[in-house]
Each structure stands twice: as structure tokens, then as C-alpha cells.
C-alpha atoms as a PDB file:
ATOM      1  CA  MET A   1     -97.312 198.802 -51.176  1.00  0.00           C
ATOM      2  CA  ARG A   2     -94.021 198.590 -53.008  1.00  0.00           C
ATOM      3  CA  ILE A   3     -91.328 201.230 -52.606  1.00  0.00           C
ATOM      4  CA  PRO A   4     -89.596 202.173 -55.875  1.00  0.00           C
ATOM      5  CA  PRO A   5     -85.800 201.736 -55.925  1.00  0.00           C
ATOM      6  CA  LEU A   6     -83.553 204.768 -55.582  1.00  0.00           C
ATOM      7  CA  PRO A   7     -81.760 206.080 -58.648  1.00  0.00           C
ATOM      8  CA  GLN A   8     -78.254 204.613 -59.036  1.00  0.00           C
ATOM      9  CA  SER A   9     -76.697 208.084 -58.642  1.00  0.00           C
ATOM     10  CA  LYS A  10     -78.233 208.393 -55.148  1.00  0.00           C
ATOM     11  CA  VAL A  11     -76.991 204.918 -54.218  1.00  0.00           C
ATOM     12  CA  ASP A  12     -73.471 205.736 -55.470  1.00  0.00           C
ATOM     13  CA  GLU A  13     -73.438 208.995 -53.496  1.00  0.00           C
ATOM     14  CA  ALA A  14     -74.551 207.215 -50.306  1.00  0.00           C
ATOM     15  CA  GLU A  15     -71.884 204.526 -50.780  1.00  0.00           C
ATOM     16  CA  ARG A  16     -69.185 207.212 -51.124  1.00  0.00           C
ATOM     17  CA  LYS A  17     -70.358 208.922 -47.920  1.00  0.00           C
ATOM     18  CA  VAL A  18     -70.431 205.647 -45.957  1.00  0.00           C
ATOM     19  CA  GLY A  19     -67.019 204.679 -47.364  1.00  0.00           C
ATOM     20  CA  ALA A  20     -65.536 207.993 -46.208  1.00  0.00           C
ATOM     21  CA  ILE A  21     -66.966 207.545 -42.705  1.00  0.00           C
ATOM     22  CA  LEU A  22     -65.607 203.989 -42.475  1.00  0.00           C
ATOM     23  CA  ALA A  23     -62.179 205.121 -43.725  1.00  0.00           C
ATOM     24  CA  ASP A  24     -62.105 207.804 -40.996  1.00  0.00           C
ATOM     25  CA  LEU A  25     -63.123 205.195 -38.395  1.00  0.00           C
ATOM     26  CA  GLU A  26     -60.324 202.860 -39.482  1.00  0.00           C
ATOM     27  CA  GLU A  27     -57.762 205.661 -39.434  1.00  0.00           C
ATOM     28  CA  ASP A  28     -58.846 207.036 -36.048  1.00  0.00           C
ATOM     29  CA  THR A  29     -58.978 203.625 -34.335  1.00  0.00           C
ATOM     30  CA  HIS A  30     -56.043 201.955 -36.160  1.00  0.00           C
ATOM     31  CA  SER A  31     -58.300 199.019 -36.997  1.00  0.00           C
ATOM     32  CA  ASP A  32     -60.078 197.398 -39.935  1.00  0.00           C
ATOM     33  CA  VAL A  33     -63.858 197.300 -40.322  1.00  0.00           C
ATOM     34  CA  LYS A  34     -64.783 193.632 -40.196  1.00  0.00           C
ATOM     35  CA  ASP A  35     -68.596 193.671 -40.345  1.00  0.00           C
ATOM     36  CA  ILE A  36     -71.525 196.086 -40.629  1.00  0.00           C
ATOM     37  CA  ASP A  37     -75.078 195.154 -39.620  1.00  0.00           C
ATOM     38  CA  LEU A  38     -78.336 197.090 -39.650  1.00  0.00           C
ATOM     39  CA  GLU A  39     -80.432 195.974 -36.693  1.00  0.00           C
ATOM     40  CA  ASP A  40     -83.907 196.722 -35.387  1.00  0.00           C
ATOM     41  CA  VAL A  41     -83.751 197.888 -31.770  1.00  0.00           C
ATOM     42  CA  VAL A  42     -86.680 198.372 -29.395  1.00  0.00           C
ATOM     43  CA  ASP A  43     -86.300 201.584 -27.423  1.00  0.00           C
ATOM     44  CA  THR A  44     -88.600 203.997 -25.614  1.00  0.00           C
ATOM     45  CA  ASP A  45     -89.935 206.785 -27.812  1.00  0.00           C
ATOM     46  CA  SER A  46     -89.047 210.035 -26.031  1.00  0.00           C
ATOM     47  CA  ALA A  47     -92.141 211.831 -27.360  1.00  0.00           C
ATOM     48  CA  SER A  48     -94.781 209.252 -26.406  1.00  0.00           C
ATOM     49  CA  GLY A  49     -93.010 207.177 -23.747  1.00  0.00           C
ATOM     50  CA  HIS A  50     -94.113 203.985 -25.516  1.00  0.00           C
ATOM     51  CA  PRO A  51     -91.823 201.297 -26.926  1.00  0.00           C
ATOM     52  CA  ALA A  52     -90.800 201.886 -30.536  1.00  0.00           C
ATOM     53  CA  VAL A  53     -88.622 200.060 -33.052  1.00  0.00           C
ATOM     54  CA  HIS A  54     -85.615 202.005 -34.329  1.00  0.00           C
ATOM     55  CA  GLN A  55     -82.844 200.981 -36.670  1.00  0.00           C
ATOM     56  CA  SER A  56     -79.287 200.877 -35.402  1.00  0.00           C
ATOM     57  CA  VAL A  57     -75.985 200.297 -37.163  1.00  0.00           C
ATOM     58  CA  ASP A  58     -73.582 197.838 -35.536  1.00  0.00           C
ATOM     59  CA  ILE A  59     -69.980 198.083 -36.773  1.00  0.00           C
ATOM     60  CA  THR A  60     -67.427 195.441 -35.788  1.00  0.00           C
ATOM     61  CA  VAL A  61     -63.751 196.380 -36.052  1.00  0.00           C
ATOM     62  CA  GLN A  62     -60.619 194.288 -35.771  1.00  0.00           C
ATOM     63  CA  PRO A  63     -57.472 195.931 -34.363  1.00  0.00           C
ATOM     64  CA  ARG A  64     -54.510 196.072 -36.718  1.00  0.00           C
ATOM     65  CA  SER A  65     -51.280 194.543 -35.534  1.00  0.00           C
ATOM     66  CA  GLN A  66     -48.694 197.117 -34.596  1.00  0.00           C
ATOM     67  CA  ARG A  67     -45.550 196.848 -36.652  1.00  0.00           C
ATOM     68  CA  ARG A  68     -42.378 197.744 -34.842  1.00  0.00           C
ATOM     69  CA  TRP A  69     -39.025 197.585 -36.442  1.00  0.00           C
ATOM     70  CA  ILE A  70     -36.085 196.266 -34.470  1.00  0.00           C
ATOM     71  CA  LYS A  71     -33.227 198.736 -34.402  1.00  0.00           C
END
């Protein structure tokens, strides 16, 4: 079964939302986002107690160098 692609307007809206979240992350942590990965993670399903595969986002950041001016 093939899943139809999302309309471009939905994709653009999602990209804006993700971009805003990443900009907030960079500002709050004084770092730059280096890499983003979507990973499958096996975890215990709280409802059934059985193992289940969930998706998780892994974001790697790189600290920015602190600039200090000599007085």
C-alpha cells in the first residue's frame, strides 16, 4: 500500500515549525544544531506491556565558541 505525499503547503508549514523549534534550541543552549536523525527505538508499550517500536528524534548540537573582548 502506497501512502500519497502530503501537499507542499503542509510540508512548508511543518518545516517552519521545526525551524522555529531548532532556532529556540540554538538560542537557549548557545550552540548550533549539527545533525538531526529520526530513529526507531524499541520501548515497552505502557498499555500492553509488550515491546513496541517508536520513533525518536536525535538532535546533535555543537557549542558555540564564546567571544570575549579584551579590555
